[in-house]
Amino acid sequence: MRKQTHNQLVLNTSAYNSMALYGKQLKTNFYINPDNFLDWCYDNFKWVQYNPRKSINRYGLSITSLDGSMGGVPDLDSIREYNGIEGTEYDEYSFTTRTPVAEYPELKKILDIFEDGLWRSHVLRLDPGGFFPPHRDHKQPFIDCFRLIVPLQYTNAPYFNFVIDGDITDWDSGFVYFADTCKEHYLFNCGKHPSYWIILNIENNAKNVQKVLNNLRVSV
């Protein structure tokens, strides 16, 4: 675990709040070709059930794990539930060892920007009917990490709904977004095709926030 002083936690949370002032969904210049990446994933890896105790059509490929393996235990599980059952104390910062998925060149280029600030991350597949119910990613006074999300395929309404703070979001495939997941959000695939995403947890500090802000995409 990365030990931070109270003042560091306050400053880092302030940095997050400053970024969130720009919007709850911020598009950046970072980009991954979604079709090429997914073809490569299917050619090289086997999808693992996400949170296997729940019968929901959700699957994942680990980008980071405890030891670089891709079995999904426990990094593709509910960390809170796993800790309760196994008596462990894992958190997002427990999963920092990159797996072979992280070696995809376009993805690796983005991950390397954040150096050792990459925490629990994965590729997510929601098959038809797959969903995440309304929730918030943080419930503590201080924010230790933030979410970068890459929509890959079948990510927009009306066939897929990603709702943040009551608003249905719209995404451009392949671009990396900051999403303010401190706000209530939920996802539901009501279409006929699997929906694909990359979910990155990045250590929250002023340096990493600045890297995102430096690369915001300006609409013209």
Protein backbone atom coordinates (compact mmCIF):
# COMPACT_ATOMS: atom_id res chain seq x y z
CA MET A 1 0.00 0.00 0.00
CA ARG A 2 1.20 3.50 -0.79
CA LYS A 3 1.30 5.44 2.48
CA GLN A 4 0.26 9.05 2.11
CA THR A 5 0.09 11.78 4.70
CA HIS A 6 -3.15 13.54 5.50
CA ASN A 7 -1.95 16.63 3.64
CA GLN A 8 -1.09 14.57 0.55
CA LEU A 9 -4.54 12.99 0.56
CA VAL A 10 -6.15 16.41 0.82
CA LEU A 11 -4.05 17.80 -2.03
CA ASN A 12 -4.70 14.78 -4.25
CA THR A 13 -8.43 14.95 -3.65
CA SER A 14 -8.31 18.64 -4.51
CA ALA A 15 -6.55 17.74 -7.78
CA TYR A 16 -9.32 15.25 -8.62
CA ASN A 17 -12.00 17.82 -7.85
CA SER A 18 -10.26 20.34 -10.09
CA MET A 19 -10.31 17.85 -12.97
CA ALA A 20 -13.97 17.01 -12.34
CA LEU A 21 -14.84 20.71 -12.64
CA TYR A 22 -14.20 20.40 -16.38
CA GLY A 23 -16.94 17.76 -16.70
CA LYS A 24 -17.97 14.29 -15.61
CA GLN A 25 -16.80 12.81 -18.94
CA LEU A 26 -13.64 14.28 -20.51
CA LYS A 27 -12.31 13.14 -23.87
CA THR A 28 -8.54 13.07 -24.30
CA ASN A 29 -6.19 12.80 -27.28
CA PHE A 30 -5.08 9.30 -26.25
CA TYR A 31 -6.34 6.69 -28.72
CA ILE A 32 -6.33 2.91 -29.28
CA ASN A 33 -7.63 1.38 -32.51
CA PRO A 34 -10.53 -0.67 -31.09
CA ASP A 35 -10.93 -3.24 -33.87
CA ASN A 36 -7.24 -4.12 -34.06
CA PHE A 37 -6.95 -4.34 -30.27
CA LEU A 38 -9.98 -6.61 -29.87
CA ASP A 39 -8.87 -8.89 -32.71
CA TRP A 40 -5.51 -9.24 -30.96
CA CYS A 41 -7.19 -10.00 -27.62
CA TYR A 42 -9.33 -12.74 -29.12
CA ASP A 43 -6.35 -14.23 -30.93
CA ASN A 44 -4.24 -14.42 -27.77
CA PHE A 45 -6.33 -14.65 -24.60
CA LYS A 46 -9.30 -16.36 -22.97
CA TRP A 47 -11.99 -14.21 -21.36
CA VAL A 48 -12.64 -14.77 -17.64
CA GLN A 49 -15.93 -14.40 -15.79
CA TYR A 50 -16.12 -11.04 -14.01
CA ASN A 51 -17.29 -11.41 -10.39
CA PRO A 52 -18.02 -15.15 -10.69
CA ARG A 53 -20.42 -15.25 -7.72
CA LYS A 54 -22.98 -13.30 -9.75
CA SER A 55 -24.74 -14.75 -12.80
CA ILE A 56 -24.35 -11.64 -14.94
CA ASN A 57 -23.03 -11.61 -18.51
CA ARG A 58 -19.75 -9.87 -17.70
CA TYR A 59 -16.24 -11.01 -18.66
CA GLY A 60 -12.77 -9.53 -18.48
CA LEU A 61 -9.11 -9.68 -19.42
CA SER A 62 -6.71 -8.51 -16.73
CA ILE A 63 -4.36 -5.68 -17.64
CA THR A 64 -2.88 -5.77 -14.15
CA SER A 65 -3.07 -8.43 -11.45
CA LEU A 66 -1.27 -9.48 -8.28
CA ASP A 67 1.52 -11.32 -10.10
CA GLY A 68 1.00 -10.69 -13.80
CA SER A 69 -1.17 -13.78 -14.32
CA MET A 70 -4.53 -13.67 -16.09
CA GLY A 71 -6.69 -16.05 -14.07
CA GLY A 72 -8.80 -13.16 -12.78
CA VAL A 73 -8.52 -14.11 -9.09
CA PRO A 74 -9.04 -11.87 -7.33
CA ASP A 75 -8.56 -8.87 -9.64
CA LEU A 76 -11.69 -9.58 -11.72
CA ASP A 77 -13.73 -10.30 -8.61
CA SER A 78 -15.53 -7.88 -6.34
CA ILE A 79 -12.62 -6.87 -4.13
CA ARG A 80 -14.91 -6.01 -1.23
CA GLU A 81 -16.69 -9.36 -1.39
CA TYR A 82 -13.46 -11.31 -1.87
CA ASN A 83 -11.86 -9.63 1.14
CA GLY A 84 -14.91 -10.47 3.25
CA ILE A 85 -14.80 -14.14 2.30
CA GLU A 86 -11.03 -14.68 2.31
CA GLY A 87 -10.04 -12.30 5.11
CA THR A 88 -7.73 -10.36 2.80
CA GLU A 89 -7.24 -6.59 2.57
CA TYR A 90 -6.78 -6.01 -1.14
CA ASP A 91 -7.59 -2.69 -2.75
CA GLU A 92 -7.17 -1.08 -6.17
CA TYR A 93 -3.48 -0.40 -5.41
CA SER A 94 -2.84 -4.10 -4.72
CA PHE A 95 -2.89 -4.98 -8.43
CA THR A 96 0.01 -3.24 -10.15
CA THR A 97 1.84 -6.06 -11.98
CA ARG A 98 1.16 -5.83 -15.70
CA THR A 99 -0.11 -8.85 -17.63
CA PRO A 100 0.62 -9.68 -21.30
CA VAL A 101 -2.45 -7.63 -22.32
CA ALA A 102 -0.58 -4.51 -21.22
CA GLU A 103 2.07 -5.18 -23.86
CA TYR A 104 -0.21 -4.23 -26.76
CA PRO A 105 1.79 -1.31 -28.26
CA GLU A 106 -0.93 1.36 -28.38
CA LEU A 107 -2.13 0.45 -24.90
CA LYS A 108 1.39 0.22 -23.47
CA LYS A 109 2.20 3.69 -24.78
CA ILE A 110 -0.68 5.12 -22.75
CA LEU A 111 0.05 3.06 -19.64
CA ASP A 112 3.68 4.13 -19.66
CA ILE A 113 2.63 7.79 -19.46
CA PHE A 114 1.38 7.10 -15.93
CA GLU A 115 4.48 5.07 -15.04
CA ASP A 116 3.91 3.12 -11.79
CA GLY A 117 0.58 4.87 -11.17
CA LEU A 118 -1.40 2.13 -12.93
CA TRP A 119 -3.58 0.19 -10.49
CA ARG A 120 -6.24 -2.51 -10.98
CA SER A 121 -7.19 -2.39 -14.68
CA HIS A 122 -8.84 -4.66 -17.20
CA VAL A 123 -10.63 -5.05 -20.50
CA LEU A 124 -14.35 -5.49 -19.89
CA ARG A 125 -16.91 -7.33 -22.02
CA LEU A 126 -20.62 -7.01 -21.26
CA ASP A 127 -22.63 -9.49 -23.28
CA PRO A 128 -26.32 -8.82 -24.07
CA GLY A 129 -28.13 -8.35 -20.76
CA GLY A 130 -24.89 -7.61 -18.93
CA PHE A 131 -25.02 -4.72 -16.49
CA PHE A 132 -23.56 -2.95 -13.47
CA PRO A 133 -26.24 -1.63 -11.11
CA PRO A 134 -26.17 1.97 -9.79
CA HIS A 135 -23.10 2.54 -7.64
CA ARG A 136 -20.26 4.93 -6.80
CA ASP A 137 -16.59 3.94 -7.02
CA HIS A 138 -15.55 5.92 -3.94
CA LYS A 139 -17.12 6.19 -0.52
CA GLN A 140 -14.18 7.54 1.47
CA PRO A 141 -13.38 11.15 2.41
CA PHE A 142 -10.32 11.10 0.14
CA ILE A 143 -9.96 9.89 -3.44
CA ASP A 144 -6.99 7.60 -4.05
CA CYS A 145 -7.48 6.85 -7.75
CA PHE A 146 -9.42 7.99 -10.79
CA ARG A 147 -10.94 6.18 -13.75
CA LEU A 148 -9.84 6.38 -17.34
CA ILE A 149 -12.23 4.59 -19.68
CA VAL A 150 -11.78 3.54 -23.30
CA PRO A 151 -14.98 2.67 -25.21
CA LEU A 152 -14.16 0.05 -27.82
CA GLN A 153 -17.28 -1.37 -29.51
CA TYR A 154 -21.08 -1.10 -29.06
CA THR A 155 -20.92 1.47 -26.28
CA ASN A 156 -23.69 3.96 -27.09
CA ALA A 157 -27.45 4.31 -26.78
CA PRO A 158 -29.96 3.01 -27.62
CA TYR A 159 -28.29 -0.41 -27.55
CA PHE A 160 -26.01 0.31 -24.61
CA ASN A 161 -26.60 2.77 -21.80
CA PHE A 162 -23.79 4.15 -19.63
CA VAL A 163 -25.45 6.62 -17.30
CA ILE A 164 -23.49 9.04 -15.10
CA ASP A 165 -25.32 11.27 -12.64
CA GLY A 166 -28.60 10.67 -14.46
CA ASP A 167 -27.30 11.45 -17.96
CA ILE A 168 -26.82 8.92 -20.76
CA THR A 169 -23.26 9.34 -22.01
CA ASP A 170 -22.00 9.24 -25.60
CA TRP A 171 -18.54 7.95 -26.52
CA ASP A 172 -16.20 8.00 -29.51
CA SER A 173 -14.70 4.55 -29.90
CA GLY A 174 -11.01 4.19 -29.13
CA PHE A 175 -10.50 7.50 -27.33
CA VAL A 176 -9.49 7.57 -23.68
CA TYR A 177 -11.86 9.44 -21.36
CA PHE A 178 -11.74 10.55 -17.76
CA ALA A 179 -15.07 9.66 -16.13
CA ASP A 180 -16.13 11.04 -12.76
CA THR A 181 -17.24 7.77 -11.24
CA CYS A 182 -17.55 9.32 -7.80
CA LYS A 183 -20.96 10.25 -9.17
CA GLU A 184 -23.61 7.54 -9.28
CA HIS A 185 -23.41 5.57 -12.50
CA TYR A 186 -24.67 2.35 -14.05
CA LEU A 187 -24.27 0.35 -17.27
CA PHE A 188 -26.66 -1.90 -19.18
CA ASN A 189 -26.33 -3.76 -22.47
CA CYS A 190 -29.79 -3.95 -24.03
CA GLY A 191 -28.46 -4.68 -27.51
CA LYS A 192 -27.63 -7.82 -29.50
CA HIS A 193 -23.84 -7.52 -29.43
CA PRO A 194 -21.19 -7.64 -26.69
CA SER A 195 -20.04 -4.22 -25.50
CA TYR A 196 -16.30 -3.74 -24.96
CA TRP A 197 -14.43 -1.29 -22.73
CA ILE A 198 -11.02 -0.72 -21.17
CA ILE A 199 -11.15 0.32 -17.52
CA LEU A 200 -7.99 1.89 -16.04
CA ASN A 201 -7.55 2.87 -12.41
CA ILE A 202 -4.87 5.55 -12.13
CA GLU A 203 -3.27 6.70 -8.88
CA ASN A 204 -4.76 10.05 -8.02
CA ASN A 205 -2.16 12.74 -7.59
CA ALA A 206 -1.52 16.18 -9.04
CA LYS A 207 1.06 14.84 -11.50
CA ASN A 208 -1.30 12.28 -13.04
CA VAL A 209 -4.23 14.69 -13.08
CA GLN A 210 -2.05 17.20 -14.94
CA LYS A 211 -1.18 14.56 -17.54
CA VAL A 212 -4.88 14.12 -18.27
CA LEU A 213 -5.57 17.85 -18.37
CA ASN A 214 -2.60 18.42 -20.69
CA ASN A 215 -4.17 16.02 -23.18
CA LEU A 216 -7.81 17.09 -23.18
CA ARG A 217 -9.26 16.98 -26.68
CA VAL A 218 -10.73 20.27 -27.83
CA SER A 219 -13.82 20.09 -30.04
CA VAL A 220 -13.61 22.30 -33.13
